Every structure is written in structure tokens, then in C-alpha cells.
Amino acid sequence: MRTVSRPPAFRTLTTFARGYLHQDFVDEYGGACGAARAFARDAGPKGTDKLRGDIERLIALSADWPIARLRAFLVETLGAQWHLGSRRELSALARALDTDARRGQM
């Protein structure tokens, strides 16, 4: 499968993918949303806003991509070990960040 080049706009998402969505992320964080909440605690409000923006841009950019292409982008280009099953899972990451922000846990 051809690797999609990573636009610079996804710098924070790449950091999150490689640092938090690693091979043990389910054991360590309970899943992708747990990893997003851990990132939010570690990165603070500014980093969380950047990650949320990257996720929202990816959602918009990939709206017409087949799920296999989106999955390949996350794994092959961004370096995640997360094999998402649906687009809703990607949207859930942004919501997990919003939930943490409302609780003031950042």
C-alpha cells in the first residue's frame, strides 16, 4: 500500500500517534481515547488544542477516503499502532479531548 505523505499540519498528531498510540497503548491507556486523555494531561491546553485541530483537519481531509486509506495513513505515515475500525473512532478522539478540557484536568 502506498504511503501518503504527511502534511506539516499534522505535526502534533504525529507526535501523539508515535508517543501514545504505540504497540502497548491498549494495555497502558485502555484504548485510543484513554491515550488522548493522557496526552491532554501531559501536553496541557495548548498542546491539546493543537492535537484537536490536527484531528479535525484529518477528519475533513479524509472524508472521501476509504477506511483502508485512512487506516494506512495513521499507521504507515503517522506511525500509530492503532488500526481503527471506523471513522467514528477518530471523531471520538476529539471528543475525548473536549471531555477532559471541560473537566479541567489539563
PDB file of N, CA and C in Angstrom:
ATOM      1  N   MET A   1       0.838  -1.178   0.000  1.00  0.00           N
ATOM      2  CA  MET A   1       0.000   0.000   0.000  1.00  0.00           C
ATOM      3  C   MET A   1       0.884   1.243   0.000  1.00  0.00           C
ATOM      4  N   ARG A   2       0.565   2.214  -0.821  1.00  0.00           N
ATOM      5  CA  ARG A   2       1.337   3.434  -0.956  1.00  0.00           C
ATOM      6  C   ARG A   2       1.166   4.310   0.283  1.00  0.00           C
ATOM      7  N   THR A   3       2.277   4.835   0.776  1.00  0.00           N
ATOM      8  CA  THR A   3       2.243   5.717   1.928  1.00  0.00           C
ATOM      9  C   THR A   3       1.859   7.119   1.480  1.00  0.00           C
ATOM     10  N   VAL A   4       0.945   7.738   2.202  1.00  0.00           N
ATOM     11  CA  VAL A   4       0.516   9.101   1.923  1.00  0.00           C
ATOM     12  C   VAL A   4       1.462  10.040   2.643  1.00  0.00           C
ATOM     13  N   SER A   5       1.941  11.076   1.966  1.00  0.00           N
ATOM     14  CA  SER A   5       2.866  11.999   2.617  1.00  0.00           C
ATOM     15  C   SER A   5       2.156  12.777   3.720  1.00  0.00           C
ATOM     16  N   ARG A   6       2.912  13.129   4.733  1.00  0.00           N
ATOM     17  CA  ARG A   6       2.360  13.813   5.894  1.00  0.00           C
ATOM     18  C   ARG A   6       2.509  15.317   5.727  1.00  0.00           C
ATOM     19  N   PRO A   7       1.398  16.025   5.586  1.00  0.00           N
ATOM     20  CA  PRO A   7       1.475  17.486   5.544  1.00  0.00           C
ATOM     21  C   PRO A   7       1.957  18.025   6.889  1.00  0.00           C
ATOM     22  N   PRO A   8       2.662  19.152   6.903  1.00  0.00           N
ATOM     23  CA  PRO A   8       3.157  19.699   8.165  1.00  0.00           C
ATOM     24  C   PRO A   8       2.055  20.002   9.172  1.00  0.00           C
ATOM     25  N   ALA A   9       0.826  20.156   8.725  1.00  0.00           N
ATOM     26  CA  ALA A   9      -0.281  20.469   9.624  1.00  0.00           C
ATOM     27  C   ALA A   9      -0.546  19.363  10.638  1.00  0.00           C
ATOM     28  N   PHE A  10       0.022  18.176  10.436  1.00  0.00           N
ATOM     29  CA  PHE A  10      -0.234  17.047  11.334  1.00  0.00           C
ATOM     30  C   PHE A  10       0.923  16.768  12.285  1.00  0.00           C
ATOM     31  N   ARG A  11       1.720  17.761  12.592  1.00  0.00           N
ATOM     32  CA  ARG A  11       2.889  17.573  13.454  1.00  0.00           C
ATOM     33  C   ARG A  11       2.496  17.056  14.843  1.00  0.00           C
ATOM     34  N   THR A  12       1.477  17.636  15.468  1.00  0.00           N
ATOM     35  CA  THR A  12       1.073  17.205  16.814  1.00  0.00           C
ATOM     36  C   THR A  12       0.404  15.840  16.771  1.00  0.00           C
ATOM     37  N   LEU A  13      -0.374  15.585  15.736  1.00  0.00           N
ATOM     38  CA  LEU A  13      -0.994  14.268  15.592  1.00  0.00           C
ATOM     39  C   LEU A  13       0.071  13.191  15.398  1.00  0.00           C
ATOM     40  N   THR A  14       1.130  13.502  14.688  1.00  0.00           N
ATOM     41  CA  THR A  14       2.233  12.554  14.520  1.00  0.00           C
ATOM     42  C   THR A  14       2.906  12.264  15.853  1.00  0.00           C
ATOM     43  N   THR A  15       3.145  13.306  16.632  1.00  0.00           N
ATOM     44  CA  THR A  15       3.740  13.129  17.963  1.00  0.00           C
ATOM     45  C   THR A  15       2.850  12.253  18.836  1.00  0.00           C
ATOM     46  N   PHE A  16       1.552  12.534  18.817  1.00  0.00           N
ATOM     47  CA  PHE A  16       0.593  11.735  19.580  1.00  0.00           C
ATOM     48  C   PHE A  16       0.576  10.287  19.094  1.00  0.00           C
ATOM     49  N   ALA A  17       0.518  10.094  17.786  1.00  0.00           N
ATOM     50  CA  ALA A  17       0.445   8.750  17.219  1.00  0.00           C
ATOM     51  C   ALA A  17       1.653   7.907  17.615  1.00  0.00           C
ATOM     52  N   ARG A  18       2.827   8.484  17.514  1.00  0.00           N
ATOM     53  CA  ARG A  18       4.056   7.734  17.806  1.00  0.00           C
ATOM     54  C   ARG A  18       4.324   7.574  19.298  1.00  0.00           C
ATOM     55  N   GLY A  19       3.930   8.565  20.077  1.00  0.00           N
ATOM     56  CA  GLY A  19       4.225   8.530  21.507  1.00  0.00           C
ATOM     57  C   GLY A  19       3.158   7.895  22.370  1.00  0.00           C
ATOM     58  N   TYR A  20       1.913   7.891  21.904  1.00  0.00           N
ATOM     59  CA  TYR A  20       0.810   7.403  22.725  1.00  0.00           C
ATOM     60  C   TYR A  20       0.064   6.225  22.105  1.00  0.00           C
ATOM     61  N   LEU A  21       0.007   6.161  20.790  1.00  0.00           N
ATOM     62  CA  LEU A  21      -0.697   5.046  20.135  1.00  0.00           C
ATOM     63  C   LEU A  21       0.307   3.976  19.705  1.00  0.00           C
ATOM     64  N   HIS A  22       1.191   3.631  20.618  1.00  0.00           N
ATOM     65  CA  HIS A  22       2.233   2.627  20.379  1.00  0.00           C
ATOM     66  C   HIS A  22       1.654   1.221  20.562  1.00  0.00           C
ATOM     67  N   GLN A  23       2.494   0.214  20.428  1.00  0.00           N
ATOM     68  CA  GLN A  23       2.009  -1.174  20.448  1.00  0.00           C
ATOM     69  C   GLN A  23       1.340  -1.582  21.758  1.00  0.00           C
ATOM     70  N   ASP A  24       1.615  -0.915  22.852  1.00  0.00           N
ATOM     71  CA  ASP A  24       1.020  -1.260  24.147  1.00  0.00           C
ATOM     72  C   ASP A  24      -0.035  -0.257  24.612  1.00  0.00           C
ATOM     73  N   PHE A  25      -0.555   0.576  23.700  1.00  0.00           N
ATOM     74  CA  PHE A  25      -1.456   1.644  24.138  1.00  0.00           C
ATOM     75  C   PHE A  25      -2.746   1.126  24.762  1.00  0.00           C
ATOM     76  N   VAL A  26      -3.237  -0.015  24.315  1.00  0.00           N
ATOM     77  CA  VAL A  26      -4.473  -0.549  24.905  1.00  0.00           C
ATOM     78  C   VAL A  26      -4.213  -0.969  26.344  1.00  0.00           C
ATOM     79  N   ASP A  27      -3.105  -1.660  26.587  1.00  0.00           N
ATOM     80  CA  ASP A  27      -2.761  -2.066  27.953  1.00  0.00           C
ATOM     81  C   ASP A  27      -2.469  -0.860  28.839  1.00  0.00           C
ATOM     82  N   GLU A  28      -1.794   0.131  28.286  1.00  0.00           N
ATOM     83  CA  GLU A  28      -1.375   1.286  29.080  1.00  0.00           C
ATOM     84  C   GLU A  28      -2.501   2.296  29.323  1.00  0.00           C
ATOM     85  N   TYR A  29      -3.312   2.541  28.301  1.00  0.00           N
ATOM     86  CA  TYR A  29      -4.326   3.602  28.398  1.00  0.00           C
ATOM     87  C   TYR A  29      -5.764   3.110  28.290  1.00  0.00           C
ATOM     88  N   GLY A  30      -5.948   1.837  27.996  1.00  0.00           N
ATOM     89  CA  GLY A  30      -7.292   1.294  27.843  1.00  0.00           C
ATOM     90  C   GLY A  30      -7.894   1.486  26.467  1.00  0.00           C
ATOM     91  N   GLY A  31      -7.207   2.171  25.598  1.00  0.00           N
ATOM     92  CA  GLY A  31      -7.693   2.412  24.238  1.00  0.00           C
ATOM     93  C   GLY A  31      -7.241   3.766  23.737  1.00  0.00           C
ATOM     94  N   ALA A  32      -7.668   4.109  22.530  1.00  0.00           N
ATOM     95  CA  ALA A  32      -7.242   5.356  21.894  1.00  0.00           C
ATOM     96  C   ALA A  32      -7.738   6.585  22.655  1.00  0.00           C
ATOM     97  N   CYS A  33      -8.970   6.555  23.141  1.00  0.00           N
ATOM     98  CA  CYS A  33      -9.495   7.711  23.886  1.00  0.00           C
ATOM     99  C   CYS A  33      -8.746   7.906  25.201  1.00  0.00           C
ATOM    100  N   GLY A  34      -8.389   6.818  25.850  1.00  0.00           N
ATOM    101  CA  GLY A  34      -7.579   6.919  27.058  1.00  0.00           C
ATOM    102  C   GLY A  34      -6.209   7.509  26.752  1.00  0.00           C
ATOM    103  N   ALA A  35      -5.646   7.133  25.621  1.00  0.00           N
ATOM    104  CA  ALA A  35      -4.364   7.705  25.196  1.00  0.00           C
ATOM    105  C   ALA A  35      -4.516   9.198  24.932  1.00  0.00           C
ATOM    106  N   ALA A  36      -5.635   9.608  24.328  1.00  0.00           N
ATOM    107  CA  ALA A  36      -5.880  11.026  24.069  1.00  0.00           C
ATOM    108  C   ALA A  36      -5.987  11.803  25.380  1.00  0.00           C
ATOM    109  N   ARG A  37      -6.654  11.233  26.362  1.00  0.00           N
ATOM    110  CA  ARG A  37      -6.771  11.910  27.661  1.00  0.00           C
ATOM    111  C   ARG A  37      -5.404  12.013  28.348  1.00  0.00           C
ATOM    112  N   ALA A  38      -4.584  10.975  28.224  1.00  0.00           N
ATOM    113  CA  ALA A  38      -3.233  11.031  28.799  1.00  0.00           C
ATOM    114  C   ALA A  38      -2.403  12.112  28.109  1.00  0.00           C
ATOM    115  N   PHE A  39      -2.517  12.193  26.796  1.00  0.00           N
ATOM    116  CA  PHE A  39      -1.817  13.242  26.052  1.00  0.00           C
ATOM    117  C   PHE A  39      -2.262  14.618  26.549  1.00  0.00           C
ATOM    118  N   ALA A  40      -3.567  14.792  26.725  1.00  0.00           N
ATOM    119  CA  ALA A  40      -4.099  16.079  27.174  1.00  0.00           C
ATOM    120  C   ALA A  40      -3.523  16.466  28.529  1.00  0.00           C
ATOM    121  N   ARG A  41      -3.437  15.519  29.430  1.00  0.00           N
ATOM    122  CA  ARG A  41      -2.861  15.805  30.757  1.00  0.00           C
ATOM    123  C   ARG A  41      -1.391  16.191  30.636  1.00  0.00           C
ATOM    124  N   ASP A  42      -0.671  15.495  29.761  1.00  0.00           N
ATOM    125  CA  ASP A  42       0.760  15.756  29.598  1.00  0.00           C
ATOM    126  C   ASP A  42       1.041  17.034  28.817  1.00  0.00           C
ATOM    127  N   ALA A  43       0.250  17.312  27.792  1.00  0.00           N
ATOM    128  CA  ALA A  43       0.528  18.420  26.875  1.00  0.00           C
ATOM    129  C   ALA A  43      -0.059  19.753  27.321  1.00  0.00           C
ATOM    130  N   GLY A  44      -1.058  19.714  28.192  1.00  0.00           N
ATOM    131  CA  GLY A  44      -1.693  20.954  28.624  1.00  0.00           C
ATOM    132  C   GLY A  44      -2.634  21.504  27.561  1.00  0.00           C
ATOM    133  N   PRO A  45      -3.259  22.638  27.866  1.00  0.00           N
ATOM    134  CA  PRO A  45      -4.282  23.189  26.974  1.00  0.00           C
ATOM    135  C   PRO A  45      -3.784  23.513  25.564  1.00  0.00           C
ATOM    136  N   LYS A  46      -2.608  24.094  25.450  1.00  0.00           N
ATOM    137  CA  LYS A  46      -2.095  24.486  24.132  1.00  0.00           C
ATOM    138  C   LYS A  46      -1.833  23.256  23.258  1.00  0.00           C
ATOM    139  N   GLY A  47      -1.173  22.267  23.807  1.00  0.00           N
ATOM    140  CA  GLY A  47      -0.905  21.039  23.057  1.00  0.00           C
ATOM    141  C   GLY A  47      -2.176  20.290  22.721  1.00  0.00           C
ATOM    142  N   THR A  48      -3.129  20.296  23.659  1.00  0.00           N
ATOM    143  CA  THR A  48      -4.416  19.643  23.430  1.00  0.00           C
ATOM    144  C   THR A  48      -5.164  20.321  22.289  1.00  0.00           C
ATOM    145  N   ASP A  49      -5.147  21.648  22.260  1.00  0.00           N
ATOM    146  CA  ASP A  49      -5.791  22.381  21.164  1.00  0.00           C
ATOM    147  C   ASP A  49      -5.155  22.042  19.819  1.00  0.00           C
ATOM    148  N   LYS A  50      -3.833  21.920  19.801  1.00  0.00           N
ATOM    149  CA  LYS A  50      -3.140  21.570  18.557  1.00  0.00           C
ATOM    150  C   LYS A  50      -3.529  20.169  18.098  1.00  0.00           C
ATOM    151  N   LEU A  51      -3.594  19.225  19.029  1.00  0.00           N
ATOM    152  CA  LEU A  51      -3.981  17.862  18.662  1.00  0.00           C
ATOM    153  C   LEU A  51      -5.414  17.837  18.155  1.00  0.00           C
ATOM    154  N   ARG A  52      -6.311  18.519  18.840  1.00  0.00           N
ATOM    155  CA  ARG A  52      -7.709  18.570  18.407  1.00  0.00           C
ATOM    156  C   ARG A  52      -7.805  19.150  16.993  1.00  0.00           C
ATOM    157  N   GLY A  53      -7.054  20.211  16.735  1.00  0.00           N
ATOM    158  CA  GLY A  53      -7.051  20.821  15.402  1.00  0.00           C
ATOM    159  C   GLY A  53      -6.548  19.861  14.338  1.00  0.00           C
ATOM    160  N   ASP A  54      -5.485  19.122  14.650  1.00  0.00           N
ATOM    161  CA  ASP A  54      -4.963  18.132  13.697  1.00  0.00           C
ATOM    162  C   ASP A  54      -5.994  17.044  13.418  1.00  0.00           C
ATOM    163  N   ILE A  55      -6.648  16.566  14.467  1.00  0.00           N
ATOM    164  CA  ILE A  55      -7.662  15.521  14.284  1.00  0.00           C
ATOM    165  C   ILE A  55      -8.804  16.042  13.423  1.00  0.00           C
ATOM    166  N   GLU A  56      -9.259  17.240  13.702  1.00  0.00           N
ATOM    167  CA  GLU A  56     -10.363  17.812  12.925  1.00  0.00           C
ATOM    168  C   GLU A  56      -9.965  18.021  11.465  1.00  0.00           C
ATOM    169  N   ARG A  57      -8.719  18.451  11.220  1.00  0.00           N
ATOM    170  CA  ARG A  57      -8.246  18.604   9.834  1.00  0.00           C
ATOM    171  C   ARG A  57      -8.169  17.263   9.129  1.00  0.00           C
ATOM    172  N   LEU A  58      -7.714  16.239   9.851  1.00  0.00           N
ATOM    173  CA  LEU A  58      -7.649  14.910   9.240  1.00  0.00           C
ATOM    174  C   LEU A  58      -9.045  14.391   8.918  1.00  0.00           C
ATOM    175  N   ILE A  59      -9.992  14.604   9.802  1.00  0.00           N
ATOM    176  CA  ILE A  59     -11.366  14.178   9.543  1.00  0.00           C
ATOM    177  C   ILE A  59     -11.887  14.834   8.265  1.00  0.00           C
ATOM    178  N   ALA A  60     -11.654  16.131   8.131  1.00  0.00           N
ATOM    179  CA  ALA A  60     -12.124  16.849   6.942  1.00  0.00           C
ATOM    180  C   ALA A  60     -11.388  16.381   5.686  1.00  0.00           C
ATOM    181  N   LEU A  61     -10.073  16.248   5.768  1.00  0.00           N
ATOM    182  CA  LEU A  61      -9.272  15.842   4.619  1.00  0.00           C
ATOM    183  C   LEU A  61      -9.631  14.450   4.126  1.00  0.00           C
ATOM    184  N   SER A  62      -9.939  13.566   5.057  1.00  0.00           N
ATOM    185  CA  SER A  62     -10.145  12.155   4.705  1.00  0.00           C
ATOM    186  C   SER A  62     -11.611  11.780   4.519  1.00  0.00           C
ATOM    187  N   ALA A  63     -12.480  12.768   4.449  1.00  0.00           N
ATOM    188  CA  ALA A  63     -13.926  12.488   4.378  1.00  0.00           C
ATOM    189  C   ALA A  63     -14.299  11.546   3.241  1.00  0.00           C
ATOM    190  N   ASP A  64     -13.602  11.617   2.123  1.00  0.00           N
ATOM    191  CA  ASP A  64     -13.944  10.757   0.991  1.00  0.00           C
ATOM    192  C   ASP A  64     -12.963   9.600   0.809  1.00  0.00           C
ATOM    193  N   TRP A  65     -12.074   9.391   1.770  1.00  0.00           N
ATOM    194  CA  TRP A  65     -11.137   8.277   1.694  1.00  0.00           C
ATOM    195  C   TRP A  65     -11.822   6.988   2.126  1.00  0.00           C
ATOM    196  N   PRO A  66     -11.480   5.874   1.500  1.00  0.00           N
ATOM    197  CA  PRO A  66     -11.924   4.585   2.038  1.00  0.00           C
ATOM    198  C   PRO A  66     -11.260   4.386   3.412  1.00  0.00           C
ATOM    199  N   ILE A  67     -11.898   3.626   4.268  1.00  0.00           N
ATOM    200  CA  ILE A  67     -11.371   3.417   5.617  1.00  0.00           C
ATOM    201  C   ILE A  67      -9.970   2.805   5.576  1.00  0.00           C
ATOM    202  N   ALA A  68      -9.685   1.982   4.582  1.00  0.00           N
ATOM    203  CA  ALA A  68      -8.353   1.373   4.465  1.00  0.00           C
ATOM    204  C   ALA A  68      -7.280   2.439   4.239  1.00  0.00           C
ATOM    205  N   ARG A  69      -7.594   3.456   3.463  1.00  0.00           N
ATOM    206  CA  ARG A  69      -6.621   4.527   3.226  1.00  0.00           C
ATOM    207  C   ARG A  69      -6.393   5.328   4.504  1.00  0.00           C
ATOM    208  N   LEU A  70      -7.446   5.628   5.238  1.00  0.00           N
ATOM    209  CA  LEU A  70      -7.308   6.351   6.494  1.00  0.00           C
ATOM    210  C   LEU A  70      -6.493   5.538   7.495  1.00  0.00           C
ATOM    211  N   ARG A  71      -6.786   4.262   7.580  1.00  0.00           N
ATOM    212  CA  ARG A  71      -6.045   3.368   8.477  1.00  0.00           C
ATOM    213  C   ARG A  71      -4.563   3.350   8.089  1.00  0.00           C
ATOM    214  N   ALA A  72      -4.281   3.259   6.784  1.00  0.00           N
ATOM    215  CA  ALA A  72      -2.892   3.241   6.309  1.00  0.00           C
ATOM    216  C   ALA A  72      -2.188   4.557   6.628  1.00  0.00           C
ATOM    217  N   PHE A  73      -2.886   5.663   6.487  1.00  0.00           N
ATOM    218  CA  PHE A  73      -2.298   6.956   6.812  1.00  0.00           C
ATOM    219  C   PHE A  73      -1.891   7.005   8.284  1.00  0.00           C
ATOM    220  N   LEU A  74      -2.771   6.553   9.153  1.00  0.00           N
ATOM    221  CA  LEU A  74      -2.467   6.558  10.584  1.00  0.00           C
ATOM    222  C   LEU A  74      -1.278   5.665  10.924  1.00  0.00           C
ATOM    223  N   VAL A  75      -1.248   4.489  10.333  1.00  0.00           N
ATOM    224  CA  VAL A  75      -0.203   3.513  10.668  1.00  0.00           C
ATOM    225  C   VAL A  75       1.093   3.791   9.918  1.00  0.00           C
ATOM    226  N   GLU A  76       1.010   3.866   8.603  1.00  0.00           N
ATOM    227  CA  GLU A  76       2.228   3.955   7.782  1.00  0.00           C
ATOM    228  C   GLU A  76       2.837   5.348   7.756  1.00  0.00           C
ATOM    229  N   THR A  77       2.015   6.358   7.755  1.00  0.00           N
ATOM    230  CA  THR A  77       2.536   7.714   7.644  1.00  0.00           C
ATOM    231  C   THR A  77       2.773   8.350   9.005  1.00  0.00           C
ATOM    232  N   LEU A  78       1.801   8.233   9.899  1.00  0.00           N
ATOM    233  CA  LEU A  78       1.931   8.875  11.210  1.00  0.00           C
ATOM    234  C   LEU A  78       2.649   8.008  12.241  1.00  0.00           C
ATOM    235  N   GLY A  79       2.701   6.702  12.032  1.00  0.00           N
ATOM    236  CA  GLY A  79       3.427   5.821  12.938  1.00  0.00           C
ATOM    237  C   GLY A  79       2.620   5.260  14.087  1.00  0.00           C
ATOM    238  N   ALA A  80       1.296   5.348  14.014  1.00  0.00           N
ATOM    239  CA  ALA A  80       0.440   4.789  15.067  1.00  0.00           C
ATOM    240  C   ALA A  80       0.383   3.271  14.952  1.00  0.00           C
ATOM    241  N   GLN A  81       0.102   2.613  16.046  1.00  0.00           N
ATOM    242  CA  GLN A  81      -0.147   1.175  16.051  1.00  0.00           C
ATOM    243  C   GLN A  81      -1.634   0.922  16.279  1.00  0.00           C
ATOM    244  N   TRP A  82      -2.433   1.889  15.934  1.00  0.00           N
ATOM    245  CA  TRP A  82      -3.879   1.862  16.118  1.00  0.00           C
ATOM    246  C   TRP A  82      -4.533   1.564  14.782  1.00  0.00           C
ATOM    247  N   HIS A  83      -5.243   0.482  14.725  1.00  0.00           N
ATOM    248  CA  HIS A  83      -5.931   0.071  13.496  1.00  0.00           C
ATOM    249  C   HIS A  83      -7.417   0.343  13.682  1.00  0.00           C
ATOM    250  N   LEU A  84      -7.799   1.604  13.486  1.00  0.00           N
ATOM    251  CA  LEU A  84      -9.171   1.990  13.758  1.00  0.00           C
ATOM    252  C   LEU A  84     -10.158   1.211  12.906  1.00  0.00           C
ATOM    253  N   GLY A  85     -11.321   0.977  13.464  1.00  0.00           N
ATOM    254  CA  GLY A  85     -12.339   0.210  12.773  1.00  0.00           C
ATOM    255  C   GLY A  85     -13.342   1.066  12.033  1.00  0.00           C
ATOM    256  N   SER A  86     -13.495   2.338  12.458  1.00  0.00           N
ATOM    257  CA  SER A  86     -14.461   3.217  11.802  1.00  0.00           C
ATOM    258  C   SER A  86     -14.034   4.665  11.984  1.00  0.00           C
ATOM    259  N   ARG A  87     -14.604   5.533  11.178  1.00  0.00           N
ATOM    260  CA  ARG A  87     -14.337   6.974  11.281  1.00  0.00           C
ATOM    261  C   ARG A  87     -14.813   7.531  12.621  1.00  0.00           C
ATOM    262  N   ARG A  88     -15.846   6.927  13.168  1.00  0.00           N
ATOM    263  CA  ARG A  88     -16.363   7.396  14.467  1.00  0.00           C
ATOM    264  C   ARG A  88     -15.297   7.338  15.546  1.00  0.00           C
ATOM    265  N   GLU A  89     -14.402   6.366  15.450  1.00  0.00           N
ATOM    266  CA  GLU A  89     -13.333   6.249  16.438  1.00  0.00           C
ATOM    267  C   GLU A  89     -12.397   7.453  16.381  1.00  0.00           C
ATOM    268  N   LEU A  90     -12.163   7.975  15.189  1.00  0.00           N
ATOM    269  CA  LEU A  90     -11.321   9.159  15.055  1.00  0.00           C
ATOM    270  C   LEU A  90     -12.026  10.377  15.656  1.00  0.00           C
ATOM    271  N   SER A  91     -13.309  10.508  15.383  1.00  0.00           N
ATOM    272  CA  SER A  91     -14.086  11.606  15.974  1.00  0.00           C
ATOM    273  C   SER A  91     -14.128  11.492  17.498  1.00  0.00           C
ATOM    274  N   ALA A  92     -14.145  10.270  18.006  1.00  0.00           N
ATOM    275  CA  ALA A  92     -14.178  10.063  19.454  1.00  0.00           C
ATOM    276  C   ALA A  92     -12.909  10.600  20.122  1.00  0.00           C
ATOM    277  N   LEU A  93     -11.783  10.601  19.406  1.00  0.00           N
ATOM    278  CA  LEU A  93     -10.559  11.168  19.981  1.00  0.00           C
ATOM    279  C   LEU A  93     -10.738  12.650  20.284  1.00  0.00           C
ATOM    280  N   ALA A  94     -11.300  13.379  19.327  1.00  0.00           N
ATOM    281  CA  ALA A  94     -11.523  14.811  19.548  1.00  0.00           C
ATOM    282  C   ALA A  94     -12.491  15.028  20.709  1.00  0.00           C
ATOM    283  N   ARG A  95     -13.527  14.210  20.781  1.00  0.00           N
ATOM    284  CA  ARG A  95     -14.488  14.335  21.891  1.00  0.00           C
ATOM    285  C   ARG A  95     -13.828  14.017  23.229  1.00  0.00           C
ATOM    286  N   ALA A  96     -12.919  13.052  23.254  1.00  0.00           N
ATOM    287  CA  ALA A  96     -12.210  12.709  24.496  1.00  0.00           C
ATOM    288  C   ALA A  96     -11.384  13.899  24.969  1.00  0.00           C
ATOM    289  N   LEU A  97     -10.790  14.621  24.047  1.00  0.00           N
ATOM    290  CA  LEU A  97     -10.036  15.819  24.412  1.00  0.00           C
ATOM    291  C   LEU A  97     -10.964  16.893  24.947  1.00  0.00           C
ATOM    292  N   ASP A  98     -12.136  17.061  24.328  1.00  0.00           N
ATOM    293  CA  ASP A  98     -13.118  18.042  24.790  1.00  0.00           C
ATOM    294  C   ASP A  98     -13.613  17.698  26.185  1.00  0.00           C
ATOM    295  N   THR A  99     -13.850  16.422  26.435  1.00  0.00           N
ATOM    296  CA  THR A  99     -14.328  15.979  27.742  1.00  0.00           C
ATOM    297  C   THR A  99     -13.313  16.332  28.813  1.00  0.00           C
ATOM    298  N   ASP A 100     -12.038  16.077  28.555  1.00  0.00           N
ATOM    299  CA  ASP A 100     -11.011  16.390  29.527  1.00  0.00           C
ATOM    300  C   ASP A 100     -10.920  17.895  29.760  1.00  0.00           C
ATOM    301  N   ALA A 101     -11.071  18.690  28.702  1.00  0.00           N
ATOM    302  CA  ALA A 101     -10.973  20.146  28.839  1.00  0.00           C
ATOM    303  C   ALA A 101     -12.102  20.666  29.721  1.00  0.00           C
ATOM    304  N   ARG A 102     -13.314  20.145  29.549  1.00  0.00           N
ATOM    305  CA  ARG A 102     -14.443  20.617  30.362  1.00  0.00           C
ATOM    306  C   ARG A 102     -14.256  20.260  31.829  1.00  0.00           C
ATOM    307  N   ARG A 103     -13.587  19.168  32.087  1.00  0.00           N
ATOM    308  CA  ARG A 103     -13.365  18.741  33.480  1.00  0.00           C
ATOM    309  C   ARG A 103     -12.233  19.514  34.120  1.00  0.00           C
ATOM    310  N   GLY A 104     -11.450  20.231  33.291  1.00  0.00           N
ATOM    311  CA  GLY A 104     -10.330  20.997  33.842  1.00  0.00           C
ATOM    312  C   GLY A 104      -9.161  20.125  34.257  1.00  0.00           C
ATOM    313  N   GLN A 105      -9.011  18.961  33.620  1.00  0.00           N
ATOM    314  CA  GLN A 105      -7.952  18.034  34.005  1.00  0.00           C
ATOM    315  C   GLN A 105      -6.657  18.280  33.241  1.00  0.00           C
ATOM    316  N   MET A 106      -6.596  19.326  32.482  1.00  0.00           N
ATOM    317  CA  MET A 106      -5.389  19.568  31.724  1.00  0.00           C
ATOM    318  C   MET A 106      -4.533  20.529  32.508  1.00  0.00           C
TER     319      MET A 106
END
